[in-house]
Each structure stands twice: as structure tokens, then as C-alpha cells.
Amino acid sequence: MGGALPNDVVPRDGTSLPNAVLLLLAAIAASVVAQGGYYLPGRLLPTALVAFALVLALRHRPVRPGVLPPACLAFAAWAVLRAVLGAANALPTVAAVVCLAAAAFVAQRADARQRNLCASVVVGVGALVALTGWAAVVWRIPSWSVVAEGLVRAASTLTYPNAAAALVAALAVLALALNAAHPDSLPLAGAAYALLVGVGATLSRAGLLALAAGLVALAVFGGTRATLRHAGPAGLGALIALAALAPSFPAGQPARTGLAVLGLVGGLAVALGLSRANARGRVFGVVVGFAAAALVPLFVYRRGLGTMLAGRISTSSPDRSGATRAALDLVAAQPWTGVGPGRGWFVFTAPDGSRVMRYVHNEYLQVLVELGAIGLVLLLLALVALAVEVWRGRTRTPLWAGAAAALVVLLVHSGFDFLWHLPVIVLTAGLLTGLAASPLHHYRPAAETPVDAAAPTAKEQL
């Protein structure tokens, strides 16, 4: 995998990825192909790959575990106990939290150069997800798109637009950070551009909100100037591509394939051109470009643009509001222990009749419903442990800033969707945690404690 990357991304010293990390990346790629790993058949291979990766990582000398594995195990133990008490199934919950800790552990054992290479590979995977989603809208590929509210939305192979938005938004932030470390890397600049286009093609409101949160976090962690320097050209190019893609969103109208392709190529040229311009040229081009990109569609599409995207501009969602009310009723009935893992079904009355939803589209509230206040507290402790691991590993490198900001994207988006039920999101979160955490330090067990050099050995005594 490493040999396929461009020379300006692969370290020139011949750095290669450990087998355990390669298996972890393969698990993420397998989850991407298998609809995010949501269904059971698609979970088996990624889970097996993560298990093999963990075994390979444990073959080396032991390490002192951080605070994340015990916190994850405590949450998993409560899920198992609650399932036993309520005759529920805790296996999906346990598998998710164990895969998160395992992925973080595997990535954490990589050194600095290996981590940069690993980040480049996963960004490439995300760019492919983004481009397949864009293609699904342009060529109306049913298995890679979803029609909702009369609009064709990109879903890529994950088959769920909001999950695709979460994945590509997190990796877009990571790509922008890596681009700061390699400012002359056209592949990284192109990948960041493609990922931003992918976010827009999903028409996910939560994805855009999470992306904005991630960019703010990246500015805090990695510097405002560096963030704007690389986000500006990529964002402007993506805006051009999405403006050309807009006429293809309405499901009742034929897609404008030629215009969409022209916009994608033109946006890429603008993004790459501005990324290589000097500081003044970049600032002028970005400011003028964003102003033009904001005004031109208003004159070209006029009322059609507002009508076309009215359903996505609004912040209301009757179904989600109804599911939230039903979830709060379940919490009021069993506040401490919840209804049991996997038993959170939500029945409510919508304007057009009764509805039943499996997920409340808020993972934190979902945990409160199924595992109660005890489970939510244990979940928050696990997230605190994750934050502690990341904070302990903080450095002045763009990789750390990008991985930490990408985790912010996933944590924010988790408040609006059922992301943790897709292994691809869980494994990516674990990988990002490992990339940002401190390298694991080896230690020798008591049985391997070296003999005092001053003490004579048995041979010397003879």
C-alpha cells in the first residue's frame, strides 16, 4: 500500500507500515466496501482483521496500557450485565467498544513516520469514498445514493448519506492538516478538495456542522493561519464543484452530467492553483472567489436554488423530533439502567401517521435509553479517557492537530446520527485516537528484570 502513494507523501527513508497497522487499514477499507459494516455479514471480515491486528501488536514486548482500555472494558462490562439482567443482546455494543480500543492500541504502537504514512493512506481511502458519492449523484447510481425529500444525496458504498458525511468530513480535516506539513503536495491538496466536495454532495446538515466544528478545532490545535491557508483554496474549489453539481440534486430532473464534470475539474484547478500561489495571490483569489461563488448562483438559479434545497436548508426534522420525545419517555420510565442494549425502539405519532424508528439519531441519547444513566456515565468516562490519551500525546505536529480535530468532527456528528453502529466509523475513530496518542512505552515484566551488572554470574563465580 505504501508504494502506491506519491513520493512527496511517502517518507524518502523507505518507511513501511507494520503488519498490524496494515490489517487495521484493511479492516477500515473492508468496512467501507461492506456498507460501513452495518449488517452482520459486513462486520465479520473487519472484526476478524482487527482481531488479527491486535494479536500481531501484542506479540511484541508488553506495554503499559493507557487509560482508554480499562474505561472501554468497564463500559462493555456494564452492557453485558444489563443484557443478562434484561435478556438482551450486548454483542454489537461490546464489539464496537472493543474494536475502538483495539484500533487505538494498534495505531499507537506505530512510530512518528509510520503514523504519517498511515494517515496518508486513510485519507486516500476517504477521497475514494467522497468521489464515489459524487459520481452516484451525477450518474444516479442507486446503490451509492439515497433519494430523500426529492433530492439525490451521495451515500457512497456506506449507503447512508450522514455516515458518509461524517467519515469524509473527519478525513477532510485530517487531510488539511497533513497538507500543512506538506504544502507542496498536490496529491494531499487534491484529496482535501475531493473530501470537501464529498461532504457537500451528501447534503448532510450534521456533516456540515461537524465539519465547521472540526475546522475550528484545527485552527485552535494547529494555528489559524495554517488552517486558513489550506482550507481556503480547497473550500473555494469545492464550492465551485458543488455549484455545478446543484442542478443534479433534484430527483425529478435529469442530471447535468457535463456541467458537474466541468465543475469538478474546474474546482480542482482552482484549488490546486491557489494552493501554489503566493500569500497575496492566495488571499485575493480566495476572497474574490468566495464572493463570486456566493453571488453567481443567486443570479443563475434565482428562486430555483432555494426551492431545490429548501428541505436541507431548514433545521427542522419532524421524525427526529418525534423519536427524541419517545426516547425521553423511555428514559423517564427506566432512568438508571435503561431498557437494555439493542432494545431502544421509538414509537411516535407523525403528522402523516404513526412511526417506528430504530435509532434516535443521537448516540449519547441512545446510550441513555438502552443502558441508562449508569451506562451514560461510563460512556462519558470512556470519552474522557480517550481525550486524556490524545492530550497526553499532544505535539506541535500537524498530524496531531489533524487527528485531534478529526475526532472532534466525529464526536459532534455523533449527537445527530447513529454513527457508532457502523464499524467503519468506530475503527476510524480508534485509528485517529492512536495517531494522536503518545507512543506506547515498553516495559519488562518482573520475570525479565535484568540481573544487576555488578553481581557476578554463576559462570563468573566458577
Protein backbone atom coordinates (compact mmCIF):
# COMPACT_ATOMS: atom_id res chain seq x y z
CA MET A 1 0.00 0.00 0.00
CA GLY A 2 2.81 2.35 0.80
CA GLY A 3 4.46 2.02 -2.63
CA ALA A 4 1.34 3.35 -4.37
CA LEU A 5 1.50 6.71 -2.65
CA PRO A 6 3.20 9.75 -4.22
CA ASN A 7 6.85 10.40 -3.44
CA ASP A 8 6.13 13.60 -1.56
CA VAL A 9 3.90 11.75 0.92
CA VAL A 10 5.89 8.59 1.46
CA PRO A 11 8.99 9.27 3.58
CA ARG A 12 12.12 9.00 1.48
CA ASP A 13 13.81 6.77 4.02
CA GLY A 14 11.73 3.79 2.95
CA THR A 15 9.36 3.77 5.92
CA SER A 16 6.85 0.94 5.72
CA LEU A 17 3.79 0.16 7.81
CA PRO A 18 3.77 -2.66 10.37
CA ASN A 19 1.62 -5.64 9.51
CA ALA A 20 -0.75 -4.87 12.38
CA VAL A 21 -1.39 -1.36 11.04
CA LEU A 22 -1.86 -2.72 7.51
CA LEU A 23 -4.52 -5.10 8.83
CA LEU A 24 -6.24 -2.22 10.60
CA LEU A 25 -6.31 -0.19 7.38
CA ALA A 26 -7.61 -3.26 5.57
CA ALA A 27 -10.40 -3.55 8.15
CA ILE A 28 -11.41 0.08 7.51
CA ALA A 29 -11.34 -0.47 3.74
CA ALA A 30 -13.39 -3.66 4.10
CA SER A 31 -15.96 -1.79 6.21
CA VAL A 32 -16.18 0.94 3.58
CA VAL A 33 -16.96 -1.61 0.87
CA ALA A 34 -19.42 -3.56 3.05
CA GLN A 35 -21.92 -0.72 3.59
CA GLY A 36 -19.95 0.64 6.50
CA GLY A 37 -20.08 -2.77 8.15
CA TYR A 38 -23.61 -2.10 9.38
CA TYR A 39 -25.04 -5.52 8.54
CA LEU A 40 -23.74 -8.70 10.15
CA PRO A 41 -22.07 -10.22 7.04
CA GLY A 42 -20.17 -7.00 6.52
CA ARG A 43 -18.95 -6.96 10.12
CA LEU A 44 -17.31 -10.35 10.16
CA LEU A 45 -14.26 -9.63 7.99
CA PRO A 46 -13.40 -6.23 9.56
CA THR A 47 -13.76 -7.70 13.04
CA ALA A 48 -11.52 -10.64 12.16
CA LEU A 49 -8.91 -8.29 10.66
CA VAL A 50 -8.90 -6.14 13.79
CA ALA A 51 -8.52 -9.24 15.95
CA PHE A 52 -5.53 -10.40 13.91
CA ALA A 53 -4.05 -6.91 14.06
CA LEU A 54 -4.39 -6.89 17.85
CA VAL A 55 -2.72 -10.30 18.12
CA LEU A 56 0.21 -9.08 16.00
CA ALA A 57 0.52 -5.91 18.06
CA LEU A 58 0.57 -7.94 21.29
CA ARG A 59 3.33 -10.25 20.06
CA HIS A 60 5.93 -7.62 20.84
CA ARG A 61 7.20 -6.90 24.31
CA PRO A 62 4.39 -5.91 26.69
CA VAL A 63 3.42 -2.29 27.18
CA ARG A 64 1.75 -0.45 29.99
CA PRO A 65 -1.90 0.05 29.00
CA GLY A 66 -3.22 3.58 28.98
CA VAL A 67 -6.47 4.77 30.50
CA LEU A 68 -8.61 4.03 27.45
CA PRO A 69 -8.71 0.18 27.53
CA PRO A 70 -9.90 -0.05 31.18
CA ALA A 71 -12.56 2.60 30.56
CA CYS A 72 -13.79 0.77 27.46
CA LEU A 73 -13.85 -2.55 29.32
CA ALA A 74 -15.89 -1.01 32.14
CA PHE A 75 -18.49 0.23 29.66
CA ALA A 76 -18.55 -3.16 27.91
CA ALA A 77 -18.93 -4.98 31.24
CA TRP A 78 -21.97 -2.90 32.15
CA ALA A 79 -23.50 -3.59 28.71
CA VAL A 80 -23.05 -7.32 29.29
CA LEU A 81 -24.51 -7.15 32.79
CA ARG A 82 -27.50 -5.14 31.62
CA ALA A 83 -28.08 -7.59 28.78
CA VAL A 84 -28.01 -10.56 31.19
CA LEU A 85 -30.49 -8.86 33.50
CA GLY A 86 -32.85 -7.95 30.67
CA ALA A 87 -32.41 -10.87 28.26
CA ALA A 88 -30.93 -8.51 25.64
CA ASN A 89 -28.04 -8.78 23.18
CA ALA A 90 -24.92 -6.85 24.14
CA LEU A 91 -22.64 -8.31 21.45
CA PRO A 92 -22.82 -5.37 19.00
CA THR A 93 -22.14 -2.87 21.77
CA VAL A 94 -19.24 -4.88 23.18
CA ALA A 95 -17.76 -5.47 19.72
CA ALA A 96 -17.88 -1.76 18.93
CA VAL A 97 -16.16 -0.60 22.11
CA VAL A 98 -13.54 -3.38 21.95
CA CYS A 99 -12.77 -2.55 18.31
CA LEU A 100 -12.35 1.09 19.26
CA ALA A 101 -9.80 0.26 21.96
CA ALA A 102 -8.05 -2.33 19.77
CA ALA A 103 -7.72 0.06 16.82
CA ALA A 104 -6.30 2.77 19.07
CA PHE A 105 -3.82 0.30 20.59
CA VAL A 106 -2.61 -0.94 17.20
CA ALA A 107 -2.12 2.56 15.77
CA GLN A 108 -0.50 3.75 18.99
CA ARG A 109 2.37 1.29 18.55
CA ALA A 110 3.46 2.91 15.28
CA ASP A 111 6.28 5.44 15.32
CA ALA A 112 6.02 9.02 14.04
CA ARG A 113 6.95 8.30 10.42
CA GLN A 114 4.68 5.28 10.26
CA ARG A 115 1.81 7.35 11.64
CA ASN A 116 2.19 9.96 8.92
CA LEU A 117 2.18 7.26 6.27
CA CYS A 118 -0.88 5.61 7.84
CA ALA A 119 -2.72 8.94 7.91
CA SER A 120 -1.96 9.47 4.22
CA VAL A 121 -3.38 6.05 3.35
CA VAL A 122 -6.63 6.55 5.25
CA VAL A 123 -7.04 10.00 3.66
CA GLY A 124 -6.75 8.31 0.27
CA VAL A 125 -9.46 5.84 1.23
CA GLY A 126 -11.69 8.72 2.29
CA ALA A 127 -11.10 10.54 -1.01
CA LEU A 128 -12.33 7.46 -2.88
CA VAL A 129 -15.47 7.41 -0.71
CA ALA A 130 -16.07 11.09 -1.46
CA LEU A 131 -15.64 10.69 -5.23
CA THR A 132 -17.89 7.64 -5.44
CA GLY A 133 -20.57 9.62 -3.63
CA TRP A 134 -20.21 12.50 -6.10
CA ALA A 135 -20.39 10.03 -9.01
CA ALA A 136 -23.54 8.48 -7.53
CA VAL A 137 -25.33 11.83 -7.74
CA VAL A 138 -24.11 12.60 -11.27
CA TRP A 139 -24.84 9.18 -12.77
CA ARG A 140 -27.76 8.32 -10.44
CA ILE A 141 -26.23 5.10 -9.09
CA PRO A 142 -28.99 3.64 -6.83
CA SER A 143 -26.74 1.58 -4.54
CA TRP A 144 -24.49 4.58 -3.82
CA SER A 145 -27.15 7.27 -3.39
CA VAL A 146 -30.34 7.92 -1.45
CA VAL A 147 -33.38 9.86 -2.61
CA ALA A 148 -34.86 11.90 0.25
CA GLU A 149 -37.17 14.91 0.11
CA GLY A 150 -36.96 14.81 -3.67
CA LEU A 151 -33.16 15.13 -3.71
CA VAL A 152 -30.50 12.65 -4.74
CA ARG A 153 -27.93 12.56 -1.92
CA ALA A 154 -24.49 10.96 -2.03
CA ALA A 155 -24.08 7.92 0.21
CA SER A 156 -21.18 6.14 -1.49
CA THR A 157 -20.69 2.49 -0.53
CA LEU A 158 -21.78 3.28 3.03
CA THR A 159 -25.39 3.59 1.70
CA TYR A 160 -26.23 6.20 4.34
CA PRO A 161 -25.53 9.88 3.47
CA ASN A 162 -24.95 11.10 7.03
CA ALA A 163 -22.48 8.31 7.79
CA ALA A 164 -20.60 9.10 4.58
CA ALA A 165 -20.61 12.78 5.54
CA ALA A 166 -19.16 12.03 8.98
CA LEU A 167 -16.37 9.89 7.56
CA VAL A 168 -15.30 12.25 4.78
CA ALA A 169 -15.65 15.36 6.97
CA ALA A 170 -13.32 13.90 9.61
CA LEU A 171 -10.79 12.83 6.99
CA ALA A 172 -11.07 16.21 5.23
CA VAL A 173 -9.87 17.90 8.41
CA LEU A 174 -7.03 15.38 8.68
CA ALA A 175 -6.08 15.96 5.03
CA LEU A 176 -5.94 19.72 5.53
CA ALA A 177 -3.61 19.22 8.49
CA LEU A 178 -1.35 16.88 6.52
CA ASN A 179 -1.28 19.42 3.72
CA ALA A 180 0.13 21.92 6.19
CA ALA A 181 3.02 19.53 6.80
CA HIS A 182 3.48 19.02 3.04
CA PRO A 183 2.44 22.36 1.48
CA ASP A 184 3.85 21.41 -1.93
CA SER A 185 1.98 18.10 -2.08
CA LEU A 186 -0.55 18.27 -4.89
CA PRO A 187 -1.99 14.82 -4.04
CA LEU A 188 -2.79 15.91 -0.48
CA ALA A 189 -4.29 19.20 -1.69
CA GLY A 190 -6.37 17.27 -4.22
CA ALA A 191 -7.50 14.78 -1.57
CA ALA A 192 -8.62 17.59 0.76
CA TYR A 193 -10.57 19.15 -2.12
CA ALA A 194 -12.23 15.83 -3.01
CA LEU A 195 -13.20 15.20 0.62
CA LEU A 196 -14.83 18.62 0.94
CA VAL A 197 -16.76 18.00 -2.29
CA GLY A 198 -17.88 14.68 -0.82
CA VAL A 199 -19.24 16.36 2.30
CA GLY A 200 -21.31 18.75 0.20
CA ALA A 201 -22.58 16.00 -2.09
CA THR A 202 -24.20 14.22 0.87
CA LEU A 203 -26.34 17.29 1.63
CA SER A 204 -25.91 16.41 5.30
CA ARG A 205 -26.63 19.27 7.67
CA ALA A 206 -24.97 17.45 10.55
CA GLY A 207 -21.96 16.78 8.33
CA LEU A 208 -21.51 20.47 7.56
CA LEU A 209 -21.95 21.41 11.23
CA ALA A 210 -19.42 18.79 12.32
CA LEU A 211 -17.00 19.91 9.60
CA ALA A 212 -17.24 23.50 10.84
CA ALA A 213 -16.52 22.31 14.39
CA GLY A 214 -13.55 20.33 13.14
CA LEU A 215 -12.13 23.33 11.27
CA VAL A 216 -12.43 25.46 14.40
CA ALA A 217 -10.67 22.74 16.40
CA LEU A 218 -7.96 22.51 13.73
CA ALA A 219 -7.43 26.26 13.94
CA VAL A 220 -7.08 26.01 17.73
CA PHE A 221 -4.77 22.99 17.67
CA GLY A 222 -2.75 23.73 14.54
CA GLY A 223 -2.93 27.50 14.12
CA THR A 224 -5.46 29.76 12.41
CA ARG A 225 -3.14 30.92 9.66
CA ALA A 226 -2.13 27.40 8.62
CA THR A 227 -5.76 26.26 8.63
CA LEU A 228 -6.97 29.16 6.51
CA ARG A 229 -4.05 28.80 4.15
CA HIS A 230 -5.06 25.31 3.11
CA ALA A 231 -8.79 25.31 3.84
CA GLY A 232 -9.39 28.43 1.74
CA PRO A 233 -8.26 27.11 -1.67
CA ALA A 234 -9.76 23.64 -1.08
CA GLY A 235 -13.02 25.12 0.17
CA LEU A 236 -13.34 27.52 -2.75
CA GLY A 237 -12.68 24.75 -5.25
CA ALA A 238 -15.26 22.53 -3.52
CA LEU A 239 -17.82 25.34 -3.61
CA ILE A 240 -17.34 25.66 -7.38
CA ALA A 241 -17.76 21.92 -7.86
CA LEU A 242 -20.89 21.84 -5.71
CA ALA A 243 -22.42 24.82 -7.53
CA ALA A 244 -22.03 22.86 -10.76
CA LEU A 245 -23.44 19.75 -9.06
CA ALA A 246 -26.52 21.54 -7.69
CA PRO A 247 -28.76 21.04 -10.79
CA SER A 248 -28.18 17.28 -10.50
CA PHE A 249 -29.61 17.01 -6.97
CA PRO A 250 -33.38 17.13 -7.81
CA ALA A 251 -34.56 13.56 -8.36
CA GLY A 252 -37.35 14.65 -10.71
CA GLN A 253 -34.95 16.22 -13.19
CA PRO A 254 -32.22 14.68 -15.35
CA ALA A 255 -28.70 15.05 -14.02
CA ARG A 256 -26.47 17.69 -15.64
CA THR A 257 -23.51 15.37 -16.14
CA GLY A 258 -21.43 17.63 -18.36
CA LEU A 259 -21.81 20.63 -16.05
CA ALA A 260 -20.99 18.55 -12.97
CA VAL A 261 -17.83 17.12 -14.53
CA LEU A 262 -16.75 20.56 -15.75
CA GLY A 263 -17.31 21.96 -12.25
CA LEU A 264 -15.33 19.16 -10.63
CA VAL A 265 -12.35 19.71 -12.95
CA GLY A 266 -12.59 23.49 -12.69
CA GLY A 267 -12.82 23.38 -8.92
CA LEU A 268 -9.78 21.12 -8.75
CA ALA A 269 -7.81 23.52 -10.96
CA VAL A 270 -8.75 26.46 -8.73
CA ALA A 271 -7.91 24.57 -5.52
CA LEU A 272 -4.51 23.39 -6.78
CA GLY A 273 -3.68 26.70 -8.43
CA LEU A 274 -4.40 28.77 -5.34
CA SER A 275 -2.53 26.30 -3.14
CA ARG A 276 0.63 27.03 -5.14
CA ALA A 277 0.13 30.82 -5.31
CA ASN A 278 1.96 33.30 -3.11
CA ALA A 279 0.33 34.63 0.03
CA ARG A 280 -1.19 37.76 -1.51
CA GLY A 281 -2.43 35.95 -4.58
CA ARG A 282 -3.97 33.24 -2.44
CA VAL A 283 -5.81 35.69 -0.19
CA PHE A 284 -7.07 37.75 -3.11
CA GLY A 285 -8.16 34.70 -5.05
CA VAL A 286 -9.96 33.09 -2.10
CA VAL A 287 -11.81 36.29 -1.09
CA VAL A 288 -12.90 37.17 -4.63
CA GLY A 289 -13.69 33.54 -5.41
CA PHE A 290 -15.91 33.03 -2.38
CA ALA A 291 -17.76 36.27 -3.11
CA ALA A 292 -18.35 35.22 -6.71
CA ALA A 293 -19.30 31.67 -5.74
CA ALA A 294 -21.87 33.05 -3.30
CA LEU A 295 -23.39 35.60 -5.68
CA VAL A 296 -23.34 33.86 -9.06
CA PRO A 297 -25.71 31.00 -8.12
CA LEU A 298 -28.23 33.56 -6.85
CA PHE A 299 -28.41 35.12 -10.31
CA VAL A 300 -28.10 31.87 -12.28
CA TYR A 301 -30.58 29.72 -10.35
CA ARG A 302 -32.58 32.52 -8.71
CA ARG A 303 -35.60 31.05 -6.95
CA GLY A 304 -34.88 27.57 -8.20
CA LEU A 305 -31.93 27.12 -5.86
CA GLY A 306 -33.94 27.93 -2.73
CA THR A 307 -36.81 25.70 -3.82
CA MET A 308 -34.44 22.88 -4.73
CA LEU A 309 -32.63 22.85 -1.38
CA ALA A 310 -35.43 24.07 0.89
CA GLY A 311 -35.65 20.73 2.67
CA ARG A 312 -31.94 20.77 3.51
CA ILE A 313 -31.70 24.45 4.49
CA SER A 314 -34.33 24.02 7.20
CA THR A 315 -33.19 22.84 10.61
CA SER A 316 -36.47 21.10 11.42
CA SER A 317 -36.90 17.33 11.28
CA PRO A 318 -40.31 16.09 12.46
CA ASP A 319 -39.28 12.42 12.55
CA ARG A 320 -36.20 13.07 14.62
CA SER A 321 -38.13 15.33 16.97
CA GLY A 322 -40.76 12.62 17.44
CA ALA A 323 -38.10 9.97 18.07
CA THR A 324 -36.41 12.24 20.62
CA ARG A 325 -39.66 12.69 22.54
CA ALA A 326 -40.23 8.93 22.52
CA ALA A 327 -36.67 8.37 23.73
CA LEU A 328 -37.14 10.78 26.64
CA ASP A 329 -40.31 8.92 27.63
CA LEU A 330 -38.33 5.67 27.77
CA VAL A 331 -35.64 7.38 29.85
CA ALA A 332 -38.26 8.63 32.29
CA ALA A 333 -39.58 5.08 32.66
CA GLN A 334 -36.17 3.48 33.33
CA PRO A 335 -33.67 6.25 34.06
CA TRP A 336 -30.87 4.30 35.77
CA THR A 337 -30.48 1.02 33.92
CA GLY A 338 -32.25 1.68 30.62
CA VAL A 339 -34.29 -0.71 28.53
CA GLY A 340 -31.33 -2.93 27.61
CA PRO A 341 -28.79 -2.89 24.76
CA GLY A 342 -30.38 -3.18 21.33
CA ARG A 343 -33.91 -2.70 22.66
CA GLY A 344 -34.27 1.01 22.00
CA TRP A 345 -37.22 1.21 19.58
CA PHE A 346 -39.09 4.52 19.35
CA VAL A 347 -42.79 4.78 18.54
CA PHE A 348 -44.36 8.19 17.97
CA THR A 349 -47.11 9.91 16.00
CA ALA A 350 -46.10 11.99 13.00
CA PRO A 351 -48.36 14.38 11.04
CA ASP A 352 -48.92 11.65 8.42
CA GLY A 353 -49.40 8.77 10.86
CA SER A 354 -47.60 6.64 13.46
CA ARG A 355 -43.91 5.89 13.04
CA VAL A 356 -41.42 3.41 14.47
CA MET A 357 -37.71 4.23 14.41
CA ARG A 358 -34.82 2.01 15.44
CA TYR A 359 -32.45 4.86 16.31
CA VAL A 360 -32.97 8.24 17.88
CA HIS A 361 -30.20 9.81 15.72
CA ASN A 362 -28.24 10.83 18.80
CA GLU A 363 -25.76 8.26 20.08
CA TYR A 364 -25.50 9.83 23.53
CA LEU A 365 -29.26 9.74 23.99
CA GLN A 366 -29.35 6.22 22.51
CA VAL A 367 -26.93 5.03 25.20
CA LEU A 368 -29.02 6.73 27.89
CA VAL A 369 -32.13 4.94 26.64
CA GLU A 370 -30.55 1.48 26.37
CA LEU A 371 -28.04 1.50 29.24
CA GLY A 372 -29.46 4.18 31.48
CA ALA A 373 -27.65 6.84 33.46
CA ILE A 374 -25.07 4.27 34.60
CA GLY A 375 -24.18 3.48 31.01
CA LEU A 376 -24.05 7.14 30.02
CA VAL A 377 -21.68 7.93 32.88
CA LEU A 378 -19.43 5.04 31.89
CA LEU A 379 -19.55 6.23 28.28
CA LEU A 380 -18.54 9.73 29.31
CA LEU A 381 -15.68 8.27 31.33
CA ALA A 382 -14.53 6.37 28.24
CA LEU A 383 -14.65 9.57 26.19
CA VAL A 384 -12.72 11.40 28.89
CA ALA A 385 -10.15 8.60 28.83
CA LEU A 386 -9.92 9.00 25.05
CA ALA A 387 -9.40 12.73 25.45
CA VAL A 388 -6.72 12.13 28.08
CA GLU A 389 -4.84 9.78 25.75
CA VAL A 390 -4.99 12.32 22.94
CA TRP A 391 -3.98 15.21 25.19
CA ARG A 392 -1.04 13.30 26.60
CA GLY A 393 0.19 12.74 23.08
CA ARG A 394 -0.11 16.38 22.03
CA THR A 395 2.76 17.69 19.94
CA ARG A 396 3.33 20.63 17.67
CA THR A 397 2.96 18.44 14.60
CA PRO A 398 0.16 18.89 12.03
CA LEU A 399 -0.65 15.18 12.34
CA TRP A 400 -1.60 15.51 16.00
CA ALA A 401 -3.69 18.62 15.29
CA GLY A 402 -5.44 16.95 12.38
CA ALA A 403 -6.18 13.69 14.21
CA ALA A 404 -7.49 15.51 17.29
CA ALA A 405 -9.67 17.84 15.17
CA ALA A 406 -10.99 14.86 13.17
CA LEU A 407 -12.10 13.24 16.43
CA VAL A 408 -13.98 16.44 17.25
CA VAL A 409 -15.84 16.04 13.95
CA LEU A 410 -16.95 12.52 14.86
CA LEU A 411 -17.91 13.43 18.42
CA VAL A 412 -20.02 16.38 17.27
CA HIS A 413 -21.68 14.43 14.47
CA SER A 414 -22.50 11.59 16.89
CA GLY A 415 -25.02 13.91 18.51
CA PHE A 416 -27.08 13.89 15.30
CA ASP A 417 -26.80 10.34 13.93
CA PHE A 418 -26.30 6.68 14.86
CA LEU A 419 -22.64 6.63 13.77
CA TRP A 420 -21.38 4.18 16.41
CA HIS A 421 -23.47 1.42 14.86
CA LEU A 422 -21.22 1.47 11.79
CA PRO A 423 -17.85 -0.26 12.32
CA VAL A 424 -16.14 1.97 9.75
CA ILE A 425 -16.75 5.00 11.98
CA VAL A 426 -15.67 3.20 15.15
CA LEU A 427 -12.48 1.87 13.55
CA THR A 428 -11.65 5.28 12.08
CA ALA A 429 -12.14 6.88 15.49
CA GLY A 430 -9.83 4.29 17.04
CA LEU A 431 -7.22 4.87 14.35
CA LEU A 432 -7.36 8.64 14.87
CA THR A 433 -7.01 8.17 18.62
CA GLY A 434 -3.92 6.02 18.15
CA LEU A 435 -2.39 8.52 15.70
CA ALA A 436 -2.82 11.34 18.21
CA ALA A 437 -1.88 9.45 21.41
CA SER A 438 1.62 9.06 22.82
CA PRO A 439 3.64 6.07 21.58
CA LEU A 440 3.28 3.12 23.90
CA HIS A 441 6.33 2.60 26.10
CA HIS A 442 7.68 -0.91 26.57
CA TYR A 443 8.38 -2.34 29.97
CA ARG A 444 9.92 -5.55 31.22
CA PRO A 445 7.82 -7.85 33.41
CA ALA A 446 9.34 -8.91 36.71
CA ALA A 447 10.46 -12.24 35.24
CA GLU A 448 12.51 -10.37 32.64
CA THR A 449 14.17 -7.94 35.04
CA PRO A 450 17.87 -7.85 34.11
CA VAL A 451 20.41 -9.08 36.64
CA ASP A 452 22.43 -6.38 38.37
CA ALA A 453 25.54 -5.84 36.26
CA ALA A 454 27.67 -5.57 39.42
CA ALA A 455 26.62 -9.02 40.65
CA PRO A 456 28.76 -11.90 39.32
CA THR A 457 27.01 -14.53 37.25
CA ALA A 458 27.17 -18.25 38.09
CA LYS A 459 29.79 -18.78 35.37
CA GLU A 460 31.96 -16.00 36.78
CA GLN A 461 31.71 -17.48 40.26
CA LEU A 462 33.03 -20.79 38.93
